Protein backbone atom coordinates (compact mmCIF):
# COMPACT_ATOMS: atom_id res chain seq x y z
CA MET A 1 21.12 -2.89 -21.64
CA SER A 2 24.81 -4.19 -21.35
CA VAL A 3 26.40 -1.27 -19.56
CA ARG A 4 28.51 -0.82 -16.42
CA THR A 5 29.90 2.22 -15.10
CA SER A 6 31.82 3.86 -11.66
CA VAL A 7 29.52 6.89 -11.64
CA LEU A 8 27.77 7.66 -8.77
CA LEU A 9 24.50 6.08 -8.40
CA GLY A 10 21.62 5.67 -5.65
CA GLY A 11 23.88 5.62 -1.85
CA TRP A 12 26.24 8.08 -3.11
CA THR A 13 24.32 10.81 -4.13
CA PHE A 14 22.31 9.95 -1.08
CA VAL A 15 25.73 10.97 1.09
CA ALA A 16 26.42 14.15 -0.79
CA ALA A 17 22.91 15.64 -0.23
CA VAL A 18 23.00 14.37 3.31
CA ALA A 19 25.25 16.92 3.94
CA GLY A 20 22.93 19.42 3.17
CA LEU A 21 20.44 18.32 6.46
CA SER A 22 20.07 20.67 8.92
CA PRO A 23 21.72 19.82 12.40
CA ALA A 24 18.37 18.20 14.36
CA ALA A 25 18.45 15.48 10.47
CA ALA A 26 22.00 14.19 11.74
CA SER A 27 20.99 13.92 15.36
CA GLY A 28 19.24 10.98 16.62
CA GLN A 29 15.85 12.94 16.12
CA THR A 30 13.36 10.59 14.08
CA ALA A 31 10.28 11.33 13.09
CA SER A 32 7.25 8.25 12.79
CA PRO A 33 8.22 6.19 9.58
CA ARG A 34 5.22 5.65 7.53
CA ALA A 35 5.52 1.98 8.16
CA SER A 36 8.03 0.38 10.90
CA LEU A 37 11.21 -1.39 10.19
CA THR A 38 10.40 -3.78 12.39
CA SER A 39 6.52 -4.65 12.11
CA ALA A 40 6.05 -7.89 10.70
CA PRO A 41 4.00 -7.68 7.06
CA LYS A 42 0.78 -7.75 6.62
CA ALA A 43 -0.73 -11.03 5.03
CA TRP A 44 -2.14 -11.00 1.44
CA SER A 45 -5.14 -13.40 0.61
CA ALA A 46 -4.66 -13.97 -3.52
CA LYS A 47 -3.29 -17.39 -4.27
CA THR A 48 -2.40 -19.48 -7.15
CA PRO A 49 -4.27 -21.98 -9.10
CA ASP A 50 -2.09 -24.11 -6.63
CA GLY A 51 -3.15 -23.00 -3.65
CA GLN A 52 0.96 -20.40 -2.89
CA PRO A 53 0.22 -17.47 -1.95
CA ASP A 54 0.68 -14.94 -5.09
CA LEU A 55 4.08 -13.63 -5.43
CA GLN A 56 3.98 -13.61 -9.53
CA GLY A 57 4.62 -10.35 -11.76
CA VAL A 58 7.42 -7.76 -12.40
CA TRP A 59 8.96 -6.04 -9.41
CA THR A 60 11.15 -3.26 -9.06
CA ASN A 61 13.17 -2.37 -6.37
CA ALA A 62 14.66 0.99 -7.55
CA THR A 63 15.89 3.74 -4.39
CA ILE A 64 17.76 6.53 -3.95
CA THR A 65 17.71 5.24 -0.40
CA PRO A 66 21.74 3.89 0.59
CA PHE A 67 22.84 0.45 1.37
CA GLU A 68 24.54 1.67 4.41
CA ARG A 69 23.21 4.74 6.28
CA PRO A 70 25.80 7.97 5.84
CA THR A 71 28.31 8.47 8.87
CA ALA A 72 27.03 11.86 9.45
CA LEU A 73 23.24 10.82 10.23
CA GLY A 74 24.67 8.81 13.23
CA SER A 75 21.97 6.49 14.72
CA LYS A 76 19.30 8.38 13.16
CA ALA A 77 17.37 5.66 11.62
CA VAL A 78 14.44 7.09 9.89
CA LEU A 79 14.22 10.74 8.05
CA SER A 80 11.13 13.03 8.38
CA GLU A 81 9.17 13.91 5.68
CA GLU A 82 10.35 17.13 5.05
CA GLU A 83 13.70 15.50 4.76
CA ALA A 84 12.90 13.16 2.85
CA VAL A 85 10.93 15.67 0.29
CA ASP A 86 14.26 17.71 0.79
CA LEU A 87 16.55 14.92 -0.14
CA GLU A 88 14.70 14.12 -3.53
CA LYS A 89 14.86 17.89 -4.72
CA ARG A 90 18.87 17.27 -3.98
CA THR A 91 19.61 14.53 -5.60
CA ALA A 92 17.81 15.58 -8.66
CA ALA A 93 19.79 19.19 -8.58
CA GLN A 94 22.72 17.18 -8.45
CA ARG A 95 21.89 14.67 -11.10
CA GLN A 96 21.04 17.38 -13.05
CA ALA A 97 24.00 19.30 -12.69
CA SER A 98 26.27 16.24 -12.97
CA ASP A 99 24.85 15.84 -16.62
CA GLU A 100 25.58 19.59 -17.76
CA ALA A 101 29.02 19.34 -16.50
CA PRO A 102 31.79 19.69 -18.71
CA ALA A 103 34.12 16.47 -19.56
CA ARG A 104 37.40 16.22 -18.03
CA PRO A 105 40.25 15.68 -19.73
CA GLY A 106 41.20 12.12 -19.85
CA ASP A 107 37.60 11.27 -19.24
CA VAL A 108 35.54 9.36 -21.91
CA GLY A 109 32.87 9.97 -19.65
CA ALA A 110 29.59 7.69 -18.91
CA TYR A 111 26.33 7.42 -19.83
CA ASN A 112 23.88 10.45 -19.02
CA GLN A 113 20.78 9.87 -16.33
CA PHE A 114 18.27 9.63 -19.39
CA TRP A 115 20.24 6.18 -19.57
CA MET A 116 19.82 5.19 -15.70
CA ASP A 117 17.18 3.98 -13.94
CA SER A 118 18.21 4.31 -10.22
CA GLY A 119 15.18 5.84 -8.93
CA THR A 120 14.21 9.22 -7.61
CA LYS A 121 12.50 8.33 -4.37
CA VAL A 122 13.69 7.23 -1.08
CA LEU A 123 11.60 4.22 0.51
CA SER A 124 8.24 4.51 1.68
CA THR A 125 9.91 3.74 5.34
CA ARG A 126 12.25 6.53 4.97
CA GLN A 127 14.63 4.57 6.41
CA THR A 128 18.55 5.93 6.52
CA SER A 129 19.62 2.59 4.77
CA LEU A 130 18.84 -0.71 2.72
CA VAL A 131 20.61 -2.11 6.12
CA VAL A 132 18.54 -2.42 8.67
CA ASP A 133 20.76 -5.34 10.89
CA PRO A 134 23.17 -4.11 12.58
CA PRO A 135 21.25 -0.92 13.95
CA ASP A 136 23.50 1.74 12.85
CA GLY A 137 23.05 0.62 9.26
CA ARG A 138 26.28 -0.30 8.42
CA VAL A 139 27.92 -4.21 7.18
CA PRO A 140 30.42 -5.19 10.06
CA ALA A 141 32.78 -6.61 7.38
CA MET A 142 36.44 -7.95 8.68
CA PRO A 143 39.06 -5.72 8.56
CA ALA A 144 40.39 -8.40 6.49
CA ALA A 145 38.09 -8.85 4.42
CA GLU A 146 37.90 -5.16 3.58
CA ARG A 147 42.30 -5.14 2.76
CA ARG A 148 41.13 -8.21 0.03
CA ARG A 149 38.75 -6.16 -1.22
CA ASP A 150 41.16 -2.98 -1.34
CA ALA A 151 43.83 -5.19 -2.82
CA ASN A 152 41.29 -6.57 -5.35
CA LEU A 153 39.95 -3.37 -6.29
CA ALA A 154 43.16 -2.18 -7.06
CA ARG A 155 44.20 -4.45 -9.14
CA THR A 156 41.71 -4.06 -11.61
CA VAL A 157 43.91 -3.68 -14.83
CA ASP A 158 46.31 -6.50 -14.11
CA SER A 159 44.20 -9.39 -14.97
CA TYR A 160 40.34 -10.05 -15.48
CA GLU A 161 40.80 -12.24 -12.16
CA TYR A 162 40.24 -9.02 -10.01
CA MET A 163 37.54 -7.86 -11.83
CA SER A 164 34.10 -8.19 -10.49
CA VAL A 165 32.03 -10.96 -11.64
CA TRP A 166 29.54 -8.37 -12.75
CA ASP A 167 32.38 -6.92 -14.73
CA ARG A 168 32.75 -10.38 -16.41
CA CYS A 169 29.31 -11.10 -17.17
CA ILE A 170 29.19 -13.90 -15.21
CA THR A 171 26.53 -13.41 -12.55
CA ARG A 172 25.79 -10.25 -10.53
CA GLY A 173 26.78 -12.45 -7.38
CA MET A 174 23.99 -13.59 -4.22
CA PRO A 175 22.45 -11.37 -2.70
CA GLY A 176 23.58 -8.48 -4.56
CA ALA A 177 21.67 -9.39 -7.58
CA MET A 178 18.78 -8.92 -5.76
CA PHE A 179 20.46 -5.05 -4.18
CA PRO A 180 18.93 -1.91 -6.31
CA ALA A 181 21.74 -0.68 -8.68
CA GLY A 182 21.67 1.97 -11.44
CA TYR A 183 19.78 0.56 -13.80
CA ASN A 184 17.95 -2.70 -14.74
CA ASN A 185 16.20 -3.00 -11.52
CA ALA A 186 13.79 -5.76 -12.13
CA TYR A 187 12.77 -9.39 -11.54
CA GLN A 188 9.57 -11.36 -12.87
CA ILE A 189 8.17 -14.04 -10.57
CA LEU A 190 6.79 -17.09 -11.94
CA GLN A 191 5.28 -19.94 -9.67
CA THR A 192 4.42 -23.52 -11.02
CA PRO A 193 3.61 -26.53 -8.61
CA GLY A 194 6.92 -26.97 -6.69
CA TYR A 195 8.65 -23.94 -7.68
CA VAL A 196 9.08 -20.27 -7.68
CA VAL A 197 11.53 -18.43 -10.03
CA ILE A 198 13.11 -15.22 -9.86
CA LEU A 199 14.05 -13.75 -13.28
CA HIS A 200 17.06 -11.32 -12.55
CA GLU A 201 16.99 -8.17 -15.70
CA MET A 202 20.36 -7.62 -14.55
CA ILE A 203 22.52 -10.11 -16.98
CA HIS A 204 19.01 -12.47 -17.14
CA ASP A 205 20.04 -14.74 -14.10
CA ALA A 206 16.88 -17.41 -13.60
CA ARG A 207 16.89 -18.55 -10.22
CA ILE A 208 15.32 -21.64 -9.79
CA ILE A 209 13.93 -22.18 -6.74
CA PRO A 210 12.72 -25.84 -5.42
CA ILE A 211 9.88 -25.51 -2.67
CA ASP A 212 8.87 -29.56 -2.21
CA GLY A 213 10.77 -30.02 0.80
CA ARG A 214 13.92 -31.37 -1.47
CA ALA A 215 17.57 -31.26 0.44
CA HIS A 216 20.06 -29.20 -0.45
CA VAL A 217 23.18 -30.50 -3.14
CA GLY A 218 25.84 -32.33 -1.52
CA SER A 219 28.55 -30.41 0.40
CA GLY A 220 30.83 -31.15 -2.42
CA ILE A 221 29.12 -28.89 -5.25
CA LYS A 222 30.12 -25.21 -4.68
CA LEU A 223 28.18 -22.96 -7.14
CA TRP A 224 28.61 -19.09 -7.75
CA ASN A 225 25.01 -18.39 -6.55
CA GLY A 226 24.98 -21.20 -4.31
CA ASP A 227 21.75 -23.91 -3.86
CA SER A 228 18.68 -21.99 -3.21
CA ARG A 229 15.44 -24.29 -1.49
CA GLY A 230 12.10 -22.44 -0.68
CA HIS A 231 9.39 -23.33 1.89
CA TRP A 232 6.53 -21.56 2.82
CA GLU A 233 5.87 -20.06 6.24
CA GLY A 234 2.04 -18.94 6.27
CA ASN A 235 2.35 -16.33 3.52
CA THR A 236 5.79 -15.59 3.33
CA LEU A 237 8.06 -17.61 0.93
CA VAL A 238 11.53 -17.52 2.77
CA VAL A 239 14.36 -19.25 0.24
CA GLU A 240 17.78 -20.73 2.20
CA THR A 241 21.16 -20.87 0.08
CA SER A 242 23.75 -22.63 1.17
CA ASN A 243 26.76 -24.78 -1.00
CA PHE A 244 28.80 -21.30 -2.50
CA SER A 245 32.20 -21.37 -3.92
CA ASP A 246 34.60 -19.00 -3.02
CA ARG A 247 34.95 -17.19 -6.46
CA GLY A 248 32.41 -14.66 -6.30
CA TRP A 249 31.08 -11.14 -4.37
CA VAL A 250 28.19 -10.61 -2.26
CA ALA A 251 27.55 -7.38 -3.90
CA THR A 252 29.14 -5.85 -7.76
CA SER A 253 27.38 -2.62 -8.06
CA ALA A 254 28.94 0.59 -7.22
CA ALA A 255 25.56 1.65 -5.50
CA THR A 256 26.64 -0.93 -2.63
CA GLY A 257 28.91 1.30 -1.26
CA ARG A 258 31.95 0.47 0.20
CA VAL A 259 30.46 -3.55 0.22
CA LYS A 260 31.54 -3.72 -2.88
CA GLY A 261 34.35 -6.16 -3.60
CA ILE A 262 34.03 -8.17 -0.14
CA PRO A 263 34.83 -11.63 -0.94
CA GLN A 264 32.48 -14.98 0.42
CA THR A 265 33.61 -17.98 1.31
CA GLU A 266 32.28 -21.62 1.13
CA ALA A 267 30.26 -20.71 4.59
CA LEU A 268 28.42 -18.24 3.25
CA HIS A 269 24.98 -18.71 3.78
CA VAL A 270 21.94 -16.29 2.61
CA VAL A 271 18.24 -16.22 3.73
CA GLU A 272 15.52 -14.59 2.30
CA ARG A 273 12.08 -13.73 2.67
CA LEU A 274 9.22 -12.74 0.59
CA THR A 275 5.91 -11.65 1.61
CA ARG A 276 3.24 -9.87 -0.17
CA VAL A 277 1.15 -7.49 1.74
CA ASP A 278 -0.76 -5.58 -0.78
CA ALA A 279 -1.18 -5.70 -4.49
CA ASN A 280 1.79 -3.47 -5.81
CA THR A 281 3.86 -4.74 -3.06
CA ILE A 282 6.55 -7.16 -1.48
CA ALA A 283 8.12 -6.65 1.22
CA TYR A 284 12.06 -8.58 0.94
CA GLU A 285 14.44 -8.92 3.60
CA VAL A 286 17.75 -11.01 3.41
CA THR A 287 19.88 -11.99 5.83
CA VAL A 288 23.56 -12.90 4.91
CA THR A 289 26.01 -14.74 7.46
CA ASP A 290 29.61 -15.69 6.55
CA PRO A 291 31.74 -15.91 9.98
CA ASN A 292 34.97 -15.93 7.54
CA ILE A 293 34.05 -12.08 6.33
CA TYR A 294 31.99 -10.73 8.94
CA THR A 295 31.63 -10.57 12.85
CA LYS A 296 27.82 -11.25 12.55
CA SER A 297 25.23 -11.78 10.72
CA TRP A 298 23.51 -8.74 8.63
CA THR A 299 20.08 -8.11 7.38
CA VAL A 300 18.76 -5.98 4.39
CA LYS A 301 15.48 -4.99 4.18
CA PHE A 302 13.46 -2.97 1.14
CA PRO A 303 10.08 -3.55 -0.76
CA LEU A 304 9.76 -4.61 -4.32
CA SER A 305 6.89 -3.01 -6.07
CA ARG A 306 4.81 -3.86 -8.93
CA ASP A 307 4.91 -2.28 -11.96
CA GLN A 308 2.54 -3.83 -14.86
CA GLY A 309 3.54 -2.12 -17.32
CA TYR A 310 7.70 -2.98 -17.21
CA GLN A 311 9.05 -5.17 -19.91
CA ILE A 312 12.38 -6.88 -19.71
CA TYR A 313 14.43 -6.87 -22.40
CA GLU A 314 17.07 -9.25 -23.06
CA TYR A 315 20.16 -8.43 -20.91
CA ALA A 316 22.92 -8.62 -23.61
CA CYS A 317 26.35 -8.42 -21.56
CA HIS A 318 28.97 -10.89 -23.10
CA GLU A 319 27.73 -10.28 -26.56
CA GLY A 320 28.61 -6.62 -26.26
CA ASN A 321 31.37 -6.78 -23.69
CA HIS A 322 34.82 -5.01 -25.12
CA ALA A 323 35.02 -3.12 -21.57
CA VAL A 324 37.31 -6.39 -20.18
CA PRO A 325 39.67 -6.31 -23.13
CA ASN A 326 40.40 -3.33 -23.26
CA ILE A 327 40.87 -2.13 -19.48
CA LEU A 328 43.51 -4.60 -19.53
CA SER A 329 44.80 -3.44 -23.05
CA ALA A 330 44.96 -0.03 -21.06
CA GLY A 331 46.76 -1.66 -18.02
CA ARG A 332 49.84 -3.40 -20.48
CA ALA A 333 50.00 -0.10 -22.41
CA ALA A 334 50.59 2.23 -19.08
CA GLU A 335 52.84 -0.63 -18.36
CA ARG A 336 55.10 -0.15 -21.49
CA THR A 337 55.00 3.52 -21.16
CA ALA A 338 56.54 3.20 -17.34
CA ALA A 339 59.06 0.95 -18.72
CA ASN A 340 59.77 3.06 -21.85
CA LYS A 341 60.79 6.38 -19.01
């Protein structure tokens, strides 16, 4: 599916629904989560023929848990069981109401929920955000980085250079490609001797990760999604990615809220940890460091769930991409209209 939209998805739905929680829910009161946010993942014994811990299969990560913690929740890190169920019901009702709302003048609309795959459940941990560190669940972006984001987003109709690399069908970014979005939240992991491959359904990126101990490419080589190298720490695959260019964004989906559009620099460093904890779950964790953009490192954590019935189809992006020329032509038309007044 080659669609891009700015409709309210994932975390934004959560923010709208959270206003209906009880006063106790917005306080620091918490219930014990189904799984600790900080506990070490359990070991899983399945191995590939060459002895690697087996991560293979098709995995998905769709969820209505927001990327960052809504400010209304304060220091609340975990929802109670009742709050989680209530939130899921509210989200479903809001989506139905959105589909049934009459069209607004001048609004071309977007795909309805039939075409979306942004999940219906909060994470099994009931954590209030995908960001688990810093403890407030918020990405510690510098004000200057946020100003650059705002400047780019405000000039989308001026030039393709201000559009996201996702809109331009280049990539979803790294680690943004691993973050849940409104649709196409599937990943296929393949393993061969010396390599792990992660195929992203969205924009069909395939990350080929050597795990044979080789060094990173030379420091003069800069890449959109960096250069990845992996190694095993027990049953955990640790992937370190460096050698980023300064052209991309860490996050490109509207589901990442205010993080969408924050730029990256060549100092970006990403460390991912993938641990299979049972037959149907991989614990995924990623820590992002870029001293030119953030005041400190930050960490996202969520499960990847096995879906044996999921079929990944080709993601044809540029092949049917009329959005970029249409957006730019509309911008030029608006300029002509303004000049003729």
